[in-house]
mmCIF file of all heavy atoms, coordinates in Angstrom:
data_MODEL
# 
_entry.id   MODEL 
# 
loop_
_atom_site.group_PDB 
_atom_site.id 
_atom_site.type_symbol 
_atom_site.label_atom_id 
_atom_site.label_alt_id 
_atom_site.label_comp_id 
_atom_site.label_asym_id 
_atom_site.label_entity_id 
_atom_site.label_seq_id 
_atom_site.pdbx_PDB_ins_code 
_atom_site.Cartn_x 
_atom_site.Cartn_y 
_atom_site.Cartn_z 
_atom_site.occupancy 
_atom_site.B_iso_or_equiv 
_atom_site.pdbx_formal_charge 
_atom_site.auth_seq_id 
_atom_site.auth_comp_id 
_atom_site.auth_asym_id 
_atom_site.auth_atom_id 
_atom_site.pdbx_PDB_model_num 
ATOM 1   N N   . GLN A 1 1  ? 277.652 215.667 217.722 1.00 0.00 ? 1  GLN A N   1 
ATOM 2   C CA  . GLN A 1 1  ? 276.488 214.857 218.091 1.00 0.00 ? 1  GLN A CA  1 
ATOM 3   C C   . GLN A 1 1  ? 275.538 215.625 218.986 1.00 0.00 ? 1  GLN A C   1 
ATOM 4   O O   . GLN A 1 1  ? 274.332 215.614 218.780 1.00 0.00 ? 1  GLN A O   1 
ATOM 5   C CB  . GLN A 1 1  ? 276.922 213.566 218.791 1.00 0.00 ? 1  GLN A CB  1 
ATOM 6   C CG  . GLN A 1 1  ? 275.726 212.643 219.040 1.00 0.00 ? 1  GLN A CG  1 
ATOM 7   C CD  . GLN A 1 1  ? 275.976 211.631 220.134 1.00 0.00 ? 1  GLN A CD  1 
ATOM 8   O OE1 . GLN A 1 1  ? 276.655 211.909 221.120 1.00 0.00 ? 1  GLN A OE1 1 
ATOM 9   N NE2 . GLN A 1 1  ? 275.427 210.441 219.966 1.00 0.00 ? 1  GLN A NE2 1 
ATOM 10  N N   . ARG A 1 2  ? 276.075 216.320 219.985 1.00 0.00 ? 2  ARG A N   1 
ATOM 11  C CA  . ARG A 1 2  ? 275.221 217.102 220.882 1.00 0.00 ? 2  ARG A CA  1 
ATOM 12  C C   . ARG A 1 2  ? 274.441 218.169 220.109 1.00 0.00 ? 2  ARG A C   1 
ATOM 13  O O   . ARG A 1 2  ? 273.267 218.442 220.406 1.00 0.00 ? 2  ARG A O   1 
ATOM 14  C CB  . ARG A 1 2  ? 276.059 217.724 222.002 1.00 0.00 ? 2  ARG A CB  1 
ATOM 15  C CG  . ARG A 1 2  ? 276.602 216.722 223.005 1.00 0.00 ? 2  ARG A CG  1 
ATOM 16  C CD  . ARG A 1 2  ? 277.118 217.376 224.255 1.00 0.00 ? 2  ARG A CD  1 
ATOM 17  N NE  . ARG A 1 2  ? 278.353 218.095 224.039 1.00 0.00 ? 2  ARG A NE  1 
ATOM 18  C CZ  . ARG A 1 2  ? 279.562 217.545 224.142 1.00 0.00 ? 2  ARG A CZ  1 
ATOM 19  N NH1 . ARG A 1 2  ? 279.697 216.242 224.435 1.00 0.00 ? 2  ARG A NH1 1 
ATOM 20  N NH2 . ARG A 1 2  ? 280.659 218.271 223.971 1.00 0.00 ? 2  ARG A NH2 1 
ATOM 21  N N   . GLU A 1 3  ? 275.102 218.782 219.128 1.00 0.00 ? 3  GLU A N   1 
ATOM 22  C CA  . GLU A 1 3  ? 274.427 219.778 218.301 1.00 0.00 ? 3  GLU A CA  1 
ATOM 23  C C   . GLU A 1 3  ? 273.257 219.170 217.535 1.00 0.00 ? 3  GLU A C   1 
ATOM 24  O O   . GLU A 1 3  ? 272.170 219.768 217.454 1.00 0.00 ? 3  GLU A O   1 
ATOM 25  C CB  . GLU A 1 3  ? 275.422 220.399 217.306 1.00 0.00 ? 3  GLU A CB  1 
ATOM 26  C CG  . GLU A 1 3  ? 276.465 221.282 217.964 1.00 0.00 ? 3  GLU A CG  1 
ATOM 27  C CD  . GLU A 1 3  ? 277.548 221.720 216.991 1.00 0.00 ? 3  GLU A CD  1 
ATOM 28  O OE1 . GLU A 1 3  ? 277.581 221.155 215.856 1.00 0.00 ? 3  GLU A OE1 1 
ATOM 29  O OE2 . GLU A 1 3  ? 278.346 222.599 217.337 1.00 0.00 ? 3  GLU A OE2 1 
ATOM 30  N N   . GLN A 1 4  ? 273.452 217.966 216.990 1.00 0.00 ? 4  GLN A N   1 
ATOM 31  C CA  . GLN A 1 4  ? 272.406 217.331 216.208 1.00 0.00 ? 4  GLN A CA  1 
ATOM 32  C C   . GLN A 1 4  ? 271.266 216.829 217.099 1.00 0.00 ? 4  GLN A C   1 
ATOM 33  O O   . GLN A 1 4  ? 270.103 216.844 216.688 1.00 0.00 ? 4  GLN A O   1 
ATOM 34  C CB  . GLN A 1 4  ? 272.973 216.209 215.355 1.00 0.00 ? 4  GLN A CB  1 
ATOM 35  C CG  . GLN A 1 4  ? 273.941 216.694 214.251 1.00 0.00 ? 4  GLN A CG  1 
ATOM 36  C CD  . GLN A 1 4  ? 273.324 217.799 213.393 1.00 0.00 ? 4  GLN A CD  1 
ATOM 37  O OE1 . GLN A 1 4  ? 273.316 218.967 213.749 1.00 0.00 ? 4  GLN A OE1 1 
ATOM 38  N NE2 . GLN A 1 4  ? 272.788 217.394 212.246 1.00 0.00 ? 4  GLN A NE2 1 
ATOM 39  N N   . VAL A 1 5  ? 271.594 216.371 218.299 1.00 0.00 ? 5  VAL A N   1 
ATOM 40  C CA  . VAL A 1 5  ? 270.547 215.993 219.256 1.00 0.00 ? 5  VAL A CA  1 
ATOM 41  C C   . VAL A 1 5  ? 269.683 217.209 219.591 1.00 0.00 ? 5  VAL A C   1 
ATOM 42  O O   . VAL A 1 5  ? 268.446 217.136 219.573 1.00 0.00 ? 5  VAL A O   1 
ATOM 43  C CB  . VAL A 1 5  ? 271.162 215.389 220.536 1.00 0.00 ? 5  VAL A CB  1 
ATOM 44  C CG1 . VAL A 1 5  ? 270.100 215.234 221.624 1.00 0.00 ? 5  VAL A CG1 1 
ATOM 45  C CG2 . VAL A 1 5  ? 271.821 214.047 220.231 1.00 0.00 ? 5  VAL A CG2 1 
ATOM 46  N N   . ALA A 1 6  ? 270.329 218.329 219.880 1.00 0.00 ? 6  ALA A N   1 
ATOM 47  C CA  . ALA A 1 6  ? 269.587 219.549 220.203 1.00 0.00 ? 6  ALA A CA  1 
ATOM 48  C C   . ALA A 1 6  ? 268.745 220.011 219.018 1.00 0.00 ? 6  ALA A C   1 
ATOM 49  O O   . ALA A 1 6  ? 267.601 220.466 219.196 1.00 0.00 ? 6  ALA A O   1 
ATOM 50  C CB  . ALA A 1 6  ? 270.561 220.656 220.627 1.00 0.00 ? 6  ALA A CB  1 
ATOM 51  N N   . ARG A 1 7  ? 269.290 219.911 217.815 1.00 0.00 ? 7  ARG A N   1 
ATOM 52  C CA  . ARG A 1 7  ? 268.529 220.326 216.629 1.00 0.00 ? 7  ARG A CA  1 
ATOM 53  C C   . ARG A 1 7  ? 267.294 219.439 216.456 1.00 0.00 ? 7  ARG A C   1 
ATOM 54  O O   . ARG A 1 7  ? 266.195 219.943 216.186 1.00 0.00 ? 7  ARG A O   1 
ATOM 55  C CB  . ARG A 1 7  ? 269.405 220.255 215.382 1.00 0.00 ? 7  ARG A CB  1 
ATOM 56  C CG  . ARG A 1 7  ? 268.643 220.594 214.106 1.00 0.00 ? 7  ARG A CG  1 
ATOM 57  C CD  . ARG A 1 7  ? 269.521 220.577 212.855 1.00 0.00 ? 7  ARG A CD  1 
ATOM 58  N NE  . ARG A 1 7  ? 268.715 220.800 211.661 1.00 0.00 ? 7  ARG A NE  1 
ATOM 59  C CZ  . ARG A 1 7  ? 268.355 221.980 211.206 1.00 0.00 ? 7  ARG A CZ  1 
ATOM 60  N NH1 . ARG A 1 7  ? 268.734 223.078 211.851 1.00 0.00 ? 7  ARG A NH1 1 
ATOM 61  N NH2 . ARG A 1 7  ? 267.613 222.108 210.114 1.00 0.00 ? 7  ARG A NH2 1 
ATOM 62  N N   . LEU A 1 8  ? 267.461 218.127 216.618 1.00 0.00 ? 8  LEU A N   1 
ATOM 63  C CA  . LEU A 1 8  ? 266.307 217.242 216.464 1.00 0.00 ? 8  LEU A CA  1 
ATOM 64  C C   . LEU A 1 8  ? 265.240 217.556 217.496 1.00 0.00 ? 8  LEU A C   1 
ATOM 65  O O   . LEU A 1 8  ? 264.049 217.638 217.171 1.00 0.00 ? 8  LEU A O   1 
ATOM 66  C CB  . LEU A 1 8  ? 266.751 215.777 216.584 1.00 0.00 ? 8  LEU A CB  1 
ATOM 67  C CG  . LEU A 1 8  ? 265.604 214.767 216.592 1.00 0.00 ? 8  LEU A CG  1 
ATOM 68  C CD1 . LEU A 1 8  ? 264.796 214.840 215.291 1.00 0.00 ? 8  LEU A CD1 1 
ATOM 69  C CD2 . LEU A 1 8  ? 266.120 213.348 216.824 1.00 0.00 ? 8  LEU A CD2 1 
ATOM 70  N N   . ARG A 1 9  ? 265.634 217.738 218.746 1.00 0.00 ? 9  ARG A N   1 
ATOM 71  C CA  . ARG A 1 9  ? 264.654 218.032 219.785 1.00 0.00 ? 9  ARG A CA  1 
ATOM 72  C C   . ARG A 1 9  ? 263.906 219.338 219.486 1.00 0.00 ? 9  ARG A C   1 
ATOM 73  O O   . ARG A 1 9  ? 262.681 219.426 219.655 1.00 0.00 ? 9  ARG A O   1 
ATOM 74  C CB  . ARG A 1 9  ? 265.335 218.112 221.150 1.00 0.00 ? 9  ARG A CB  1 
ATOM 75  C CG  . ARG A 1 9  ? 265.765 216.748 221.702 1.00 0.00 ? 9  ARG A CG  1 
ATOM 76  C CD  . ARG A 1 9  ? 266.235 216.862 223.138 1.00 0.00 ? 9  ARG A CD  1 
ATOM 77  N NE  . ARG A 1 9  ? 266.600 215.574 223.706 1.00 0.00 ? 9  ARG A NE  1 
ATOM 78  C CZ  . ARG A 1 9  ? 265.729 214.709 224.234 1.00 0.00 ? 9  ARG A CZ  1 
ATOM 79  N NH1 . ARG A 1 9  ? 264.441 214.990 224.238 1.00 0.00 ? 9  ARG A NH1 1 
ATOM 80  N NH2 . ARG A 1 9  ? 266.157 213.564 224.756 1.00 0.00 ? 9  ARG A NH2 1 
ATOM 81  N N   . ALA A 1 10 ? 264.625 220.359 219.018 1.00 0.00 ? 10 ALA A N   1 
ATOM 82  C CA  . ALA A 1 10 ? 263.979 221.626 218.696 1.00 0.00 ? 10 ALA A CA  1 
ATOM 83  C C   . ALA A 1 10 ? 262.996 221.474 217.546 1.00 0.00 ? 10 ALA A C   1 
ATOM 84  O O   . ALA A 1 10 ? 261.906 222.052 217.558 1.00 0.00 ? 10 ALA A O   1 
ATOM 85  C CB  . ALA A 1 10 ? 265.057 222.669 218.356 1.00 0.00 ? 10 ALA A CB  1 
ATOM 86  N N   . ARG A 1 11 ? 263.364 220.695 216.534 1.00 0.00 ? 11 ARG A N   1 
ATOM 87  C CA  . ARG A 1 11 ? 262.476 220.474 215.399 1.00 0.00 ? 11 ARG A CA  1 
ATOM 88  C C   . ARG A 1 11 ? 261.236 219.667 215.812 1.00 0.00 ? 11 ARG A C   1 
ATOM 89  O O   . ARG A 1 11 ? 260.126 219.926 215.342 1.00 0.00 ? 11 ARG A O   1 
ATOM 90  C CB  . ARG A 1 11 ? 263.228 219.777 214.274 1.00 0.00 ? 11 ARG A CB  1 
ATOM 91  C CG  . ARG A 1 11 ? 264.342 220.609 213.644 1.00 0.00 ? 11 ARG A CG  1 
ATOM 92  C CD  . ARG A 1 11 ? 263.778 221.704 212.720 1.00 0.00 ? 11 ARG A CD  1 
ATOM 93  N NE  . ARG A 1 11 ? 263.267 221.108 211.479 1.00 0.00 ? 11 ARG A NE  1 
ATOM 94  C CZ  . ARG A 1 11 ? 261.991 221.033 211.140 1.00 0.00 ? 11 ARG A CZ  1 
ATOM 95  N NH1 . ARG A 1 11 ? 261.060 221.501 211.952 1.00 0.00 ? 11 ARG A NH1 1 
ATOM 96  N NH2 . ARG A 1 11 ? 261.626 220.498 209.992 1.00 0.00 ? 11 ARG A NH2 1 
ATOM 97  N N   . LEU A 1 12 ? 261.424 218.678 216.691 1.00 0.00 ? 12 LEU A N   1 
ATOM 98  C CA  . LEU A 1 12 ? 260.269 217.927 217.201 1.00 0.00 ? 12 LEU A CA  1 
ATOM 99  C C   . LEU A 1 12 ? 259.328 218.835 217.975 1.00 0.00 ? 12 LEU A C   1 
ATOM 100 O O   . LEU A 1 12 ? 258.105 218.738 217.840 1.00 0.00 ? 12 LEU A O   1 
ATOM 101 C CB  . LEU A 1 12 ? 260.754 216.757 218.073 1.00 0.00 ? 12 LEU A CB  1 
ATOM 102 C CG  . LEU A 1 12 ? 261.461 215.598 217.364 1.00 0.00 ? 12 LEU A CG  1 
ATOM 103 C CD1 . LEU A 1 12 ? 262.041 214.642 218.393 1.00 0.00 ? 12 LEU A CD1 1 
ATOM 104 C CD2 . LEU A 1 12 ? 260.524 214.863 216.418 1.00 0.00 ? 12 LEU A CD2 1 
ATOM 105 N N   . ASP A 1 13 ? 259.896 219.689 218.809 1.00 0.00 ? 13 ASP A N   1 
ATOM 106 C CA  . ASP A 1 13 ? 259.065 220.637 219.561 1.00 0.00 ? 13 ASP A CA  1 
ATOM 107 C C   . ASP A 1 13 ? 258.278 221.538 218.618 1.00 0.00 ? 13 ASP A C   1 
ATOM 108 O O   . ASP A 1 13 ? 257.075 221.777 218.817 1.00 0.00 ? 13 ASP A O   1 
ATOM 109 C CB  . ASP A 1 13 ? 259.946 221.497 220.468 1.00 0.00 ? 13 ASP A CB  1 
ATOM 110 C CG  . ASP A 1 13 ? 260.503 220.726 221.654 1.00 0.00 ? 13 ASP A CG  1 
ATOM 111 O OD1 . ASP A 1 13 ? 259.945 219.675 221.990 1.00 0.00 ? 13 ASP A OD1 1 
ATOM 112 O OD2 . ASP A 1 13 ? 261.526 221.180 222.231 1.00 0.00 ? 13 ASP A OD2 1 
ATOM 113 N N   . HIS A 1 14 ? 258.935 222.046 217.593 1.00 0.00 ? 14 HIS A N   1 
ATOM 114 C CA  . HIS A 1 14 ? 258.286 222.948 216.639 1.00 0.00 ? 14 HIS A CA  1 
ATOM 115 C C   . HIS A 1 14 ? 257.129 222.235 215.928 1.00 0.00 ? 14 HIS A C   1 
ATOM 116 O O   . HIS A 1 14 ? 256.091 222.863 215.632 1.00 0.00 ? 14 HIS A O   1 
ATOM 117 C CB  . HIS A 1 14 ? 259.303 223.449 215.628 1.00 0.00 ? 14 HIS A CB  1 
ATOM 118 C CG  . HIS A 1 14 ? 258.732 224.406 214.622 1.00 0.00 ? 14 HIS A CG  1 
ATOM 119 N ND1 . HIS A 1 14 ? 258.415 225.719 214.943 1.00 0.00 ? 14 HIS A ND1 1 
ATOM 120 C CD2 . HIS A 1 14 ? 258.400 224.254 213.307 1.00 0.00 ? 14 HIS A CD2 1 
ATOM 121 C CE1 . HIS A 1 14 ? 257.921 226.310 213.878 1.00 0.00 ? 14 HIS A CE1 1 
ATOM 122 N NE2 . HIS A 1 14 ? 257.895 225.453 212.873 1.00 0.00 ? 14 HIS A NE2 1 
ATOM 123 N N   . ALA A 1 15 ? 257.317 220.932 215.669 1.00 0.00 ? 15 ALA A N   1 
ATOM 124 C CA  . ALA A 1 15 ? 256.281 220.159 214.962 1.00 0.00 ? 15 ALA A CA  1 
ATOM 125 C C   . ALA A 1 15 ? 255.207 219.633 215.915 1.00 0.00 ? 15 ALA A C   1 
ATOM 126 O O   . ALA A 1 15 ? 254.226 219.015 215.474 1.00 0.00 ? 15 ALA A O   1 
ATOM 127 C CB  . ALA A 1 15 ? 256.922 218.989 214.222 1.00 0.00 ? 15 ALA A CB  1 
ATOM 128 N N   . GLY A 1 16 ? 255.378 219.854 217.234 1.00 0.00 ? 16 GLY A N   1 
ATOM 129 C CA  . GLY A 1 16 ? 254.384 219.386 218.204 1.00 0.00 ? 16 GLY A CA  1 
ATOM 130 C C   . GLY A 1 16 ? 254.443 217.895 218.449 1.00 0.00 ? 16 GLY A C   1 
ATOM 131 O O   . GLY A 1 16 ? 253.443 217.299 218.863 1.00 0.00 ? 16 GLY A O   1 
ATOM 132 N N   . ILE A 1 17 ? 255.600 217.289 218.217 1.00 0.00 ? 17 ILE A N   1 
ATOM 133 C CA  . ILE A 1 17 ? 255.744 215.846 218.435 1.00 0.00 ? 17 ILE A CA  1 
ATOM 134 C C   . ILE A 1 17 ? 256.384 215.643 219.806 1.00 0.00 ? 17 ILE A C   1 
ATOM 135 O O   . ILE A 1 17 ? 257.520 216.079 220.035 1.00 0.00 ? 17 ILE A O   1 
ATOM 136 C CB  . ILE A 1 17 ? 256.598 215.201 217.342 1.00 0.00 ? 17 ILE A CB  1 
ATOM 137 C CG1 . ILE A 1 17 ? 255.899 215.359 215.983 1.00 0.00 ? 17 ILE A CG1 1 
ATOM 138 C CG2 . ILE A 1 17 ? 256.856 213.726 217.635 1.00 0.00 ? 17 ILE A CG2 1 
ATOM 139 C CD1 . ILE A 1 17 ? 256.743 214.989 214.812 1.00 0.00 ? 17 ILE A CD1 1 
ATOM 140 N N   . PRO A 1 18 ? 255.699 215.001 220.738 1.00 0.00 ? 18 PRO A N   1 
ATOM 141 C CA  . PRO A 1 18 ? 256.226 214.872 222.097 1.00 0.00 ? 18 PRO A CA  1 
ATOM 142 C C   . PRO A 1 18 ? 257.375 213.872 222.163 1.00 0.00 ? 18 PRO A C   1 
ATOM 143 O O   . PRO A 1 18 ? 257.400 212.870 221.462 1.00 0.00 ? 18 PRO A O   1 
ATOM 144 C CB  . PRO A 1 18 ? 255.028 214.349 222.890 1.00 0.00 ? 18 PRO A CB  1 
ATOM 145 C CG  . PRO A 1 18 ? 254.182 213.654 221.882 1.00 0.00 ? 18 PRO A CG  1 
ATOM 146 C CD  . PRO A 1 18 ? 254.365 214.378 220.587 1.00 0.00 ? 18 PRO A CD  1 
ATOM 147 N N   . HIS A 1 19 ? 258.320 214.183 222.998 1.00 0.00 ? 19 HIS A N   1 
ATOM 148 C CA  . HIS A 1 19 ? 259.463 213.292 223.232 1.00 0.00 ? 19 HIS A CA  1 
ATOM 149 C C   . HIS A 1 19 ? 259.887 213.440 224.691 1.00 0.00 ? 19 HIS A C   1 
ATOM 150 O O   . HIS A 1 19 ? 259.652 214.483 225.308 1.00 0.00 ? 19 HIS A O   1 
ATOM 151 C CB  . HIS A 1 19 ? 260.622 213.609 222.294 1.00 0.00 ? 19 HIS A CB  1 
ATOM 152 C CG  . HIS A 1 19 ? 261.016 215.063 222.301 1.00 0.00 ? 19 HIS A CG  1 
ATOM 153 N ND1 . HIS A 1 19 ? 262.056 215.554 223.063 1.00 0.00 ? 19 HIS A ND1 1 
ATOM 154 C CD2 . HIS A 1 19 ? 260.498 216.141 221.639 1.00 0.00 ? 19 HIS A CD2 1 
ATOM 155 C CE1 . HIS A 1 19 ? 262.155 216.857 222.884 1.00 0.00 ? 19 HIS A CE1 1 
ATOM 156 N NE2 . HIS A 1 19 ? 261.223 217.243 222.024 1.00 0.00 ? 19 HIS A NE2 1 
ATOM 157 N N   . MET A 1 20 ? 260.485 212.405 225.217 1.00 0.00 ? 20 MET A N   1 
ATOM 158 C CA  . MET A 1 20 ? 260.858 212.401 226.633 1.00 0.00 ? 20 MET A CA  1 
ATOM 159 C C   . MET A 1 20 ? 262.079 213.302 226.849 1.00 0.00 ? 20 MET A C   1 
ATOM 160 O O   . MET A 1 20 ? 263.082 213.190 226.156 1.00 0.00 ? 20 MET A O   1 
ATOM 161 C CB  . MET A 1 20 ? 261.170 210.992 227.101 1.00 0.00 ? 20 MET A CB  1 
ATOM 162 C CG  . MET A 1 20 ? 259.976 210.061 227.114 1.00 0.00 ? 20 MET A CG  1 
ATOM 163 S SD  . MET A 1 20 ? 260.386 208.384 227.679 1.00 0.00 ? 20 MET A SD  1 
ATOM 164 C CE  . MET A 1 20 ? 260.738 208.724 229.410 1.00 0.00 ? 20 MET A CE  1 
ATOM 165 N N   . ALA A 1 21 ? 261.977 214.184 227.819 1.00 0.00 ? 21 ALA A N   1 
ATOM 166 C CA  . ALA A 1 21 ? 263.097 215.064 228.150 1.00 0.00 ? 21 ALA A CA  1 
ATOM 167 C C   . ALA A 1 21 ? 264.147 214.290 228.919 1.00 0.00 ? 21 ALA A C   1 
ATOM 168 O O   . ALA A 1 21 ? 263.831 213.489 229.800 1.00 0.00 ? 21 ALA A O   1 
ATOM 169 C CB  . ALA A 1 21 ? 262.603 216.251 228.978 1.00 0.00 ? 21 ALA A CB  1 
ATOM 170 N N   . ASN A 1 22 ? 265.398 214.484 228.579 1.00 0.00 ? 22 ASN A N   1 
ATOM 171 C CA  . ASN A 1 22 ? 266.522 213.922 229.329 1.00 0.00 ? 22 ASN A CA  1 
ATOM 172 C C   . ASN A 1 22 ? 267.771 214.714 228.966 1.00 0.00 ? 22 ASN A C   1 
ATOM 173 O O   . ASN A 1 22 ? 267.739 215.588 228.113 1.00 0.00 ? 22 ASN A O   1 
ATOM 174 C CB  . ASN A 1 22 ? 266.684 212.414 229.048 1.00 0.00 ? 22 ASN A CB  1 
ATOM 175 C CG  . ASN A 1 22 ? 266.967 212.119 227.584 1.00 0.00 ? 22 ASN A CG  1 
ATOM 176 O OD1 . ASN A 1 22 ? 267.842 212.713 226.962 1.00 0.00 ? 22 ASN A OD1 1 
ATOM 177 N ND2 . ASN A 1 22 ? 266.209 211.171 227.013 1.00 0.00 ? 22 ASN A ND2 1 
ATOM 178 N N   . ASP A 1 23 ? 268.863 214.378 229.620 1.00 0.00 ? 23 ASP A N   1 
ATOM 179 C CA  . ASP A 1 23 ? 270.126 215.088 229.398 1.00 0.00 ? 23 ASP A CA  1 
ATOM 180 C C   . ASP A 1 23 ? 271.117 214.274 228.586 1.00 0.00 ? 23 ASP A C   1 
ATOM 181 O O   . ASP A 1 23 ? 272.323 214.538 228.619 1.00 0.00 ? 23 ASP A O   1 
ATOM 182 C CB  . ASP A 1 23 ? 270.757 215.467 230.752 1.00 0.00 ? 23 ASP A CB  1 
ATOM 183 C CG  . ASP A 1 23 ? 269.916 216.459 231.527 1.00 0.00 ? 23 ASP A CG  1 
ATOM 184 O OD1 . ASP A 1 23 ? 269.353 217.370 230.894 1.00 0.00 ? 23 ASP A OD1 1 
ATOM 185 O OD2 . ASP A 1 23 ? 269.827 216.320 232.767 1.00 0.00 ? 23 ASP A OD2 1 
ATOM 186 N N   . SER A 1 24 ? 270.636 213.293 227.835 1.00 0.00 ? 24 SER A N   1 
ATOM 187 C CA  . SER A 1 24 ? 271.526 212.424 227.082 1.00 0.00 ? 24 SER A CA  1 
ATOM 188 C C   . SER A 1 24 ? 271.282 212.555 225.591 1.00 0.00 ? 24 SER A C   1 
ATOM 189 O O   . SER A 1 24 ? 270.537 213.413 225.113 1.00 0.00 ? 24 SER A O   1 
ATOM 190 C CB  . SER A 1 24 ? 271.350 210.976 227.528 1.00 0.00 ? 24 SER A CB  1 
ATOM 191 O OG  . SER A 1 24 ? 270.162 210.420 226.970 1.00 0.00 ? 24 SER A OG  1 
ATOM 192 N N   . HIS A 1 25 ? 271.900 211.670 224.853 1.00 0.00 ? 25 HIS A N   1 
ATOM 193 C CA  . HIS A 1 25 ? 271.824 211.646 223.390 1.00 0.00 ? 25 HIS A CA  1 
ATOM 194 C C   . HIS A 1 25 ? 270.658 210.802 222.873 1.00 0.00 ? 25 HIS A C   1 
ATOM 195 O O   . HIS A 1 25 ? 270.486 210.678 221.663 1.00 0.00 ? 25 HIS A O   1 
ATOM 196 C CB  . HIS A 1 25 ? 273.128 211.047 222.843 1.00 0.00 ? 25 HIS A CB  1 
ATOM 197 C CG  . HIS A 1 25 ? 273.406 209.682 223.386 1.00 0.00 ? 25 HIS A CG  1 
ATOM 198 N ND1 . HIS A 1 25 ? 273.841 209.467 224.679 1.00 0.00 ? 25 HIS A ND1 1 
ATOM 199 C CD2 . HIS A 1 25 ? 273.254 208.456 222.839 1.00 0.00 ? 25 HIS A CD2 1 
ATOM 200 C CE1 . HIS A 1 25 ? 273.977 208.174 224.887 1.00 0.00 ? 25 HIS A CE1 1 
ATOM 201 N NE2 . HIS A 1 25 ? 273.631 207.525 223.799 1.00 0.00 ? 25 HIS A NE2 1 
ATOM 202 N N   . ILE A 1 26 ? 269.876 210.220 223.759 1.00 0.00 ? 26 ILE A N   1 
ATOM 203 C CA  . ILE A 1 26 ? 268.791 209.313 223.390 1.00 0.00 ? 26 ILE A CA  1 
ATOM 204 C C   . ILE A 1 26 ? 267.478 210.088 223.362 1.00 0.00 ? 26 ILE A C   1 
ATOM 205 O O   . ILE A 1 26 ? 267.141 210.768 224.352 1.00 0.00 ? 26 ILE A O   1 
ATOM 206 C CB  . ILE A 1 26 ? 268.721 208.133 224.373 1.00 0.00 ? 26 ILE A CB  1 
ATOM 207 C CG1 . ILE A 1 26 ? 270.014 207.302 224.286 1.00 0.00 ? 26 ILE A CG1 1 
ATOM 208 C CG2 . ILE A 1 26 ? 267.500 207.252 224.103 1.00 0.00 ? 26 ILE A CG2 1 
ATOM 209 C CD1 . ILE A 1 26 ? 270.206 206.342 225.443 1.00 0.00 ? 26 ILE A CD1 1 
ATOM 210 N N   . VAL A 1 27 ? 266.747 209.990 222.263 1.00 0.00 ? 27 VAL A N   1 
ATOM 211 C CA  . VAL A 1 27 ? 265.497 210.754 222.096 1.00 0.00 ? 27 VAL A CA  1 
ATOM 212 C C   . VAL A 1 27 ? 264.334 209.773 221.966 1.00 0.00 ? 27 VAL A C   1 
ATOM 213 O O   . VAL A 1 27 ? 264.049 209.257 220.884 1.00 0.00 ? 27 VAL A O   1 
ATOM 214 C CB  . VAL A 1 27 ? 265.555 211.667 220.851 1.00 0.00 ? 27 VAL A CB  1 
ATOM 215 C CG1 . VAL A 1 27 ? 264.283 212.502 220.744 1.00 0.00 ? 27 VAL A CG1 1 
ATOM 216 C CG2 . VAL A 1 27 ? 266.795 212.569 220.907 1.00 0.00 ? 27 VAL A CG2 1 
ATOM 217 N N   . PRO A 1 28 ? 263.652 209.466 223.069 1.00 0.00 ? 28 PRO A N   1 
ATOM 218 C CA  . PRO A 1 28 ? 262.514 208.532 223.001 1.00 0.00 ? 28 PRO A CA  1 
ATOM 219 C C   . PRO A 1 28 ? 261.222 209.258 222.633 1.00 0.00 ? 28 PRO A C   1 
ATOM 220 O O   . PRO A 1 28 ? 260.885 210.284 223.220 1.00 0.00 ? 28 PRO A O   1 
ATOM 221 C CB  . PRO A 1 28 ? 262.425 207.977 224.439 1.00 0.00 ? 28 PRO A CB  1 
ATOM 222 C CG  . PRO A 1 28 ? 263.593 208.536 225.192 1.00 0.00 ? 28 PRO A CG  1 
ATOM 223 C CD  . PRO A 1 28 ? 263.984 209.785 224.454 1.00 0.00 ? 28 PRO A CD  1 
# 
């Protein structure tokens, strides 16, 4: 799960889609 959370955040960053930074599994 942690791997997939990190992958999603990296892909969102690459696409320029903002998301709230945090240290959990929740991606707002």
